[in-house]
């Protein structure tokens, strides 16, 4: 895999609150709900709605967002391509975690069943 250190740094410094509305727009355009998005985020990170809102209000970076997360033990089951990268091959942990979230949001927007998204 090519060197993505500049890309990794950019992701680390991006603010979660600035990307979150794009997630909401993407899934709502496809008929999915904010509650389903929150369910997916909670499955991935352990953050309930109150904690998620707190992180958004505090305008945390993706680095802080994922540093404090309790990642789901089944996260390794998330596979596939997102933004041109195969998520299971990304070597930078933070970038991989961010792409896991992107992948789950994509699956939600594409109408995938919640049981499959949550790898149940």
N, C-alpha and C. Protein backbone atom coordinates (compact mmCIF):
# COMPACT_ATOMS: atom_id res chain seq x y z
N UNK A 1 0.85 -1.17 0.00
CA UNK A 1 0.00 0.00 0.00
C UNK A 1 0.90 1.24 0.00
N UNK A 2 0.51 2.24 -0.74
CA UNK A 2 1.33 3.45 -0.84
C UNK A 2 1.30 4.26 0.46
N UNK A 3 2.27 5.16 0.61
CA UNK A 3 2.36 6.00 1.79
C UNK A 3 1.18 6.97 1.83
N UNK A 4 0.45 6.91 2.93
CA UNK A 4 -0.73 7.77 3.07
C UNK A 4 -0.60 8.67 4.30
N UNK A 5 0.64 8.93 4.75
CA UNK A 5 0.84 9.67 5.99
C UNK A 5 0.19 11.05 5.96
N UNK A 6 0.24 11.74 4.83
CA UNK A 6 -0.41 13.05 4.73
C UNK A 6 -1.92 12.88 4.88
N UNK A 7 -2.46 11.88 4.21
CA UNK A 7 -3.89 11.57 4.28
C UNK A 7 -4.28 11.18 5.72
N UNK A 8 -3.45 10.37 6.37
CA UNK A 8 -3.72 9.93 7.74
C UNK A 8 -3.76 11.12 8.70
N UNK A 9 -2.83 12.05 8.52
CA UNK A 9 -2.79 13.24 9.37
C UNK A 9 -4.02 14.11 9.16
N UNK A 10 -4.44 14.24 7.93
CA UNK A 10 -5.63 15.04 7.62
C UNK A 10 -6.87 14.45 8.29
N UNK A 11 -7.01 13.14 8.24
CA UNK A 11 -8.14 12.48 8.89
C UNK A 11 -8.09 12.71 10.40
N UNK A 12 -6.93 12.56 10.99
CA UNK A 12 -6.77 12.72 12.44
C UNK A 12 -7.23 14.10 12.90
N UNK A 13 -6.98 15.12 12.09
CA UNK A 13 -7.29 16.49 12.48
C UNK A 13 -8.68 16.97 12.05
N UNK A 14 -9.38 16.16 11.26
CA UNK A 14 -10.74 16.55 10.85
C UNK A 14 -11.66 16.50 12.07
N UNK A 15 -12.59 17.41 12.10
CA UNK A 15 -13.55 17.47 13.20
C UNK A 15 -14.73 16.56 12.90
N UNK A 16 -15.08 15.72 13.85
CA UNK A 16 -16.20 14.81 13.65
C UNK A 16 -17.50 15.57 13.40
N UNK A 17 -17.72 16.67 14.12
CA UNK A 17 -18.98 17.42 13.99
C UNK A 17 -19.17 17.96 12.57
N UNK A 18 -18.08 18.18 11.84
CA UNK A 18 -18.21 18.72 10.49
C UNK A 18 -18.57 17.64 9.47
N UNK A 19 -18.28 16.38 9.77
CA UNK A 19 -18.58 15.27 8.87
C UNK A 19 -19.94 14.64 9.20
N UNK A 20 -20.30 14.66 10.47
CA UNK A 20 -21.54 14.04 10.93
C UNK A 20 -22.77 14.46 10.13
N UNK A 21 -22.98 15.77 9.85
CA UNK A 21 -24.17 16.14 9.07
C UNK A 21 -24.19 15.51 7.67
N UNK A 22 -23.02 15.25 7.11
CA UNK A 22 -22.95 14.59 5.80
C UNK A 22 -23.40 13.13 5.90
N UNK A 23 -23.05 12.49 7.01
CA UNK A 23 -23.54 11.13 7.24
C UNK A 23 -25.07 11.14 7.31
N UNK A 24 -25.61 12.08 8.07
CA UNK A 24 -27.07 12.17 8.24
C UNK A 24 -27.75 12.41 6.89
N UNK A 25 -27.25 13.36 6.14
CA UNK A 25 -27.83 13.67 4.82
C UNK A 25 -27.78 12.45 3.91
N UNK A 26 -26.65 11.77 3.89
CA UNK A 26 -26.47 10.61 3.02
C UNK A 26 -27.49 9.51 3.32
N UNK A 27 -27.68 9.21 4.59
CA UNK A 27 -28.58 8.11 4.92
C UNK A 27 -30.04 8.51 4.82
N UNK A 28 -30.35 9.76 5.16
CA UNK A 28 -31.75 10.21 5.09
C UNK A 28 -32.23 10.31 3.63
N UNK A 29 -31.33 10.66 2.73
CA UNK A 29 -31.67 10.71 1.30
C UNK A 29 -32.11 9.35 0.80
N UNK A 30 -31.60 8.31 1.43
CA UNK A 30 -31.90 6.94 1.02
C UNK A 30 -32.98 6.30 1.87
N UNK A 31 -33.68 7.13 2.68
CA UNK A 31 -34.81 6.62 3.45
C UNK A 31 -34.45 5.96 4.77
N UNK A 32 -33.23 6.14 5.23
CA UNK A 32 -32.83 5.59 6.52
C UNK A 32 -32.93 6.69 7.57
N UNK A 33 -32.94 6.31 8.83
CA UNK A 33 -33.18 7.29 9.91
C UNK A 33 -31.91 7.61 10.68
N UNK A 34 -31.97 8.74 11.35
CA UNK A 34 -30.88 9.16 12.22
C UNK A 34 -30.70 8.14 13.36
N UNK A 35 -31.81 7.59 13.84
CA UNK A 35 -31.75 6.56 14.89
C UNK A 35 -30.94 5.35 14.42
N UNK A 36 -31.11 4.97 13.16
CA UNK A 36 -30.34 3.84 12.62
C UNK A 36 -28.86 4.21 12.52
N UNK A 37 -28.57 5.44 12.12
CA UNK A 37 -27.18 5.91 12.08
C UNK A 37 -26.56 5.84 13.46
N UNK A 38 -27.29 6.30 14.46
CA UNK A 38 -26.79 6.28 15.84
C UNK A 38 -26.58 4.84 16.32
N UNK A 39 -27.46 3.94 15.90
CA UNK A 39 -27.30 2.52 16.26
C UNK A 39 -26.00 1.97 15.68
N UNK A 40 -25.71 2.32 14.44
CA UNK A 40 -24.48 1.87 13.77
C UNK A 40 -23.26 2.46 14.47
N UNK A 41 -23.30 3.75 14.80
CA UNK A 41 -22.17 4.39 15.47
C UNK A 41 -21.96 3.78 16.85
N UNK A 42 -23.06 3.51 17.56
CA UNK A 42 -22.94 2.90 18.89
C UNK A 42 -22.36 1.49 18.80
N UNK A 43 -22.78 0.73 17.79
CA UNK A 43 -22.23 -0.61 17.62
C UNK A 43 -20.72 -0.54 17.40
N UNK A 44 -20.29 0.40 16.56
CA UNK A 44 -18.87 0.50 16.23
C UNK A 44 -18.03 1.04 17.39
N UNK A 45 -18.52 2.09 18.05
CA UNK A 45 -17.69 2.84 19.01
C UNK A 45 -18.08 2.69 20.48
N UNK A 46 -19.30 2.23 20.73
CA UNK A 46 -19.78 2.16 22.10
C UNK A 46 -20.43 3.45 22.57
N UNK A 47 -20.43 4.49 21.74
CA UNK A 47 -21.01 5.78 22.14
C UNK A 47 -22.52 5.76 22.02
N UNK A 48 -23.21 6.02 23.15
CA UNK A 48 -24.67 6.15 23.07
C UNK A 48 -25.00 7.55 22.55
N UNK A 49 -26.28 7.82 22.38
CA UNK A 49 -26.69 9.10 21.79
C UNK A 49 -26.23 10.31 22.61
N UNK A 50 -26.29 10.20 23.94
CA UNK A 50 -25.85 11.32 24.79
C UNK A 50 -24.37 11.61 24.61
N UNK A 51 -23.56 10.56 24.62
CA UNK A 51 -22.11 10.73 24.45
C UNK A 51 -21.80 11.26 23.05
N UNK A 52 -22.51 10.75 22.06
CA UNK A 52 -22.31 11.21 20.69
C UNK A 52 -22.61 12.71 20.58
N UNK A 53 -23.71 13.14 21.16
CA UNK A 53 -24.07 14.56 21.14
C UNK A 53 -23.02 15.40 21.87
N UNK A 54 -22.50 14.89 22.96
CA UNK A 54 -21.45 15.59 23.71
C UNK A 54 -20.20 15.77 22.86
N UNK A 55 -19.81 14.73 22.15
CA UNK A 55 -18.63 14.79 21.28
C UNK A 55 -18.83 15.78 20.14
N UNK A 56 -20.05 15.81 19.60
CA UNK A 56 -20.37 16.76 18.53
C UNK A 56 -20.30 18.19 19.07
N UNK A 57 -20.90 18.42 20.24
CA UNK A 57 -20.88 19.75 20.85
C UNK A 57 -19.46 20.22 21.16
N UNK A 58 -18.61 19.29 21.59
CA UNK A 58 -17.23 19.63 21.94
C UNK A 58 -16.32 19.73 20.72
N UNK A 59 -16.89 19.45 19.54
CA UNK A 59 -16.16 19.59 18.27
C UNK A 59 -14.82 18.83 18.28
N UNK A 60 -14.89 17.56 18.69
CA UNK A 60 -13.68 16.75 18.77
C UNK A 60 -13.19 16.35 17.38
N UNK A 61 -11.91 16.08 17.29
CA UNK A 61 -11.31 15.57 16.06
C UNK A 61 -11.62 14.07 15.95
N UNK A 62 -11.41 13.52 14.77
CA UNK A 62 -11.57 12.07 14.62
C UNK A 62 -10.57 11.34 15.51
N UNK A 63 -9.40 11.92 15.70
CA UNK A 63 -8.40 11.30 16.58
C UNK A 63 -8.96 11.13 17.98
N UNK A 64 -9.52 12.20 18.55
CA UNK A 64 -10.10 12.14 19.88
C UNK A 64 -11.33 11.23 19.89
N UNK A 65 -12.14 11.33 18.84
CA UNK A 65 -13.35 10.52 18.73
C UNK A 65 -13.02 9.03 18.87
N UNK A 66 -12.02 8.58 18.15
CA UNK A 66 -11.69 7.15 18.17
C UNK A 66 -10.77 6.76 19.33
N UNK A 67 -9.97 7.68 19.85
CA UNK A 67 -9.12 7.37 21.01
C UNK A 67 -9.96 6.96 22.20
N UNK A 68 -11.10 7.59 22.36
CA UNK A 68 -11.96 7.34 23.52
C UNK A 68 -13.04 6.30 23.27
N UNK A 69 -13.09 5.77 22.06
CA UNK A 69 -14.12 4.79 21.70
C UNK A 69 -13.75 3.40 22.21
N UNK A 70 -14.78 2.60 22.46
CA UNK A 70 -14.60 1.19 22.77
C UNK A 70 -15.04 0.45 21.51
N UNK A 71 -14.08 0.12 20.67
CA UNK A 71 -14.40 -0.48 19.38
C UNK A 71 -15.01 -1.87 19.56
N UNK A 72 -16.00 -2.16 18.74
CA UNK A 72 -16.69 -3.44 18.78
C UNK A 72 -15.69 -4.56 18.48
N UNK A 73 -15.75 -5.66 19.23
CA UNK A 73 -14.81 -6.76 18.98
C UNK A 73 -14.98 -7.41 17.60
N UNK A 74 -16.12 -7.20 16.95
CA UNK A 74 -16.34 -7.77 15.62
C UNK A 74 -15.98 -6.82 14.49
N UNK A 75 -15.28 -5.75 14.80
CA UNK A 75 -14.91 -4.76 13.79
C UNK A 75 -14.09 -5.39 12.66
N UNK A 76 -13.36 -6.43 12.98
CA UNK A 76 -12.54 -7.11 11.96
C UNK A 76 -13.39 -7.75 10.86
N UNK A 77 -14.68 -7.88 11.10
CA UNK A 77 -15.57 -8.46 10.10
C UNK A 77 -15.98 -7.46 9.01
N UNK A 78 -15.65 -6.19 9.22
CA UNK A 78 -15.97 -5.16 8.22
C UNK A 78 -14.91 -5.26 7.13
N UNK A 79 -15.38 -5.54 5.93
CA UNK A 79 -14.46 -5.71 4.80
C UNK A 79 -15.03 -4.98 3.59
N UNK A 80 -14.17 -4.68 2.65
CA UNK A 80 -14.61 -4.05 1.42
C UNK A 80 -13.84 -2.80 1.11
N UNK A 81 -14.25 -2.13 0.05
CA UNK A 81 -13.55 -0.95 -0.44
C UNK A 81 -14.35 0.30 -0.10
N UNK A 82 -13.64 1.30 0.41
CA UNK A 82 -14.23 2.60 0.68
C UNK A 82 -13.19 3.66 0.32
N UNK A 83 -13.61 4.65 -0.43
CA UNK A 83 -12.71 5.72 -0.87
C UNK A 83 -11.47 5.17 -1.58
N UNK A 84 -11.65 4.08 -2.30
CA UNK A 84 -10.55 3.50 -3.07
C UNK A 84 -9.59 2.63 -2.28
N UNK A 85 -9.86 2.41 -1.01
CA UNK A 85 -8.99 1.59 -0.17
C UNK A 85 -9.75 0.41 0.39
N UNK A 86 -9.11 -0.74 0.44
CA UNK A 86 -9.70 -1.92 1.06
C UNK A 86 -9.51 -1.75 2.57
N UNK A 87 -10.61 -1.64 3.32
CA UNK A 87 -10.53 -1.29 4.74
C UNK A 87 -9.68 -2.26 5.56
N UNK A 88 -9.74 -3.52 5.21
CA UNK A 88 -8.98 -4.50 5.99
C UNK A 88 -7.47 -4.42 5.75
N UNK A 89 -7.04 -3.67 4.74
CA UNK A 89 -5.61 -3.53 4.43
C UNK A 89 -5.02 -2.20 4.89
N UNK A 90 -5.83 -1.31 5.44
CA UNK A 90 -5.32 -0.02 5.90
C UNK A 90 -4.48 -0.25 7.15
N UNK A 91 -3.24 0.28 7.14
CA UNK A 91 -2.31 0.01 8.23
C UNK A 91 -2.39 1.03 9.37
N UNK A 92 -2.81 2.25 9.08
CA UNK A 92 -2.94 3.25 10.13
C UNK A 92 -4.25 3.01 10.88
N UNK A 93 -4.17 2.77 12.18
CA UNK A 93 -5.34 2.40 12.98
C UNK A 93 -6.44 3.44 12.91
N UNK A 94 -6.10 4.71 13.08
CA UNK A 94 -7.12 5.76 13.07
C UNK A 94 -7.79 5.87 11.70
N UNK A 95 -7.01 5.82 10.65
CA UNK A 95 -7.57 5.88 9.31
C UNK A 95 -8.48 4.66 9.08
N UNK A 96 -8.05 3.51 9.53
CA UNK A 96 -8.86 2.31 9.37
C UNK A 96 -10.18 2.44 10.14
N UNK A 97 -10.13 2.94 11.36
CA UNK A 97 -11.35 3.11 12.15
C UNK A 97 -12.31 4.09 11.48
N UNK A 98 -11.76 5.16 10.95
CA UNK A 98 -12.58 6.16 10.26
C UNK A 98 -13.22 5.54 9.01
N UNK A 99 -12.47 4.75 8.29
CA UNK A 99 -13.00 4.10 7.09
C UNK A 99 -14.01 3.01 7.44
N UNK A 100 -13.85 2.38 8.60
CA UNK A 100 -14.87 1.44 9.06
C UNK A 100 -16.20 2.18 9.22
N UNK A 101 -16.14 3.34 9.84
CA UNK A 101 -17.36 4.14 10.02
C UNK A 101 -17.94 4.53 8.67
N UNK A 102 -17.10 5.00 7.77
CA UNK A 102 -17.56 5.36 6.42
C UNK A 102 -18.22 4.16 5.73
N UNK A 103 -17.62 2.99 5.88
CA UNK A 103 -18.15 1.78 5.25
C UNK A 103 -19.53 1.43 5.82
N UNK A 104 -19.68 1.53 7.13
CA UNK A 104 -20.97 1.22 7.75
C UNK A 104 -22.04 2.21 7.31
N UNK A 105 -21.68 3.49 7.22
CA UNK A 105 -22.62 4.52 6.76
C UNK A 105 -23.03 4.22 5.32
N UNK A 106 -22.07 3.84 4.49
CA UNK A 106 -22.37 3.47 3.10
C UNK A 106 -23.34 2.29 3.04
N UNK A 107 -23.08 1.28 3.84
CA UNK A 107 -23.95 0.11 3.85
C UNK A 107 -25.37 0.49 4.28
N UNK A 108 -25.47 1.37 5.26
CA UNK A 108 -26.77 1.85 5.72
C UNK A 108 -27.49 2.58 4.59
N UNK A 109 -26.76 3.46 3.92
CA UNK A 109 -27.34 4.24 2.82
C UNK A 109 -27.75 3.36 1.64
N UNK A 110 -27.07 2.26 1.46
CA UNK A 110 -27.38 1.37 0.33
C UNK A 110 -28.54 0.43 0.65
N UNK A 111 -29.11 0.56 1.85
CA UNK A 111 -30.29 -0.23 2.18
C UNK A 111 -29.99 -1.61 2.73
N UNK A 112 -28.77 -1.85 3.11
CA UNK A 112 -28.42 -3.15 3.67
C UNK A 112 -29.19 -3.36 4.98
N UNK A 113 -29.56 -4.59 5.27
CA UNK A 113 -30.29 -4.89 6.50
C UNK A 113 -29.39 -4.64 7.71
N UNK A 114 -30.00 -4.13 8.77
CA UNK A 114 -29.25 -3.77 9.97
C UNK A 114 -28.49 -4.96 10.55
N UNK A 115 -29.07 -6.16 10.49
CA UNK A 115 -28.38 -7.35 11.03
C UNK A 115 -27.05 -7.58 10.29
N UNK A 116 -27.05 -7.32 9.00
CA UNK A 116 -25.82 -7.51 8.21
C UNK A 116 -24.82 -6.40 8.50
N UNK A 117 -25.31 -5.16 8.63
CA UNK A 117 -24.41 -4.04 8.92
C UNK A 117 -23.72 -4.27 10.27
N UNK A 118 -24.48 -4.74 11.25
CA UNK A 118 -23.96 -4.94 12.60
C UNK A 118 -23.28 -6.30 12.76
N UNK A 119 -23.13 -7.01 11.65
CA UNK A 119 -22.42 -8.30 11.63
C UNK A 119 -22.95 -9.25 12.70
N UNK A 120 -24.29 -9.38 12.75
CA UNK A 120 -24.93 -10.27 13.74
C UNK A 120 -25.08 -11.65 13.16
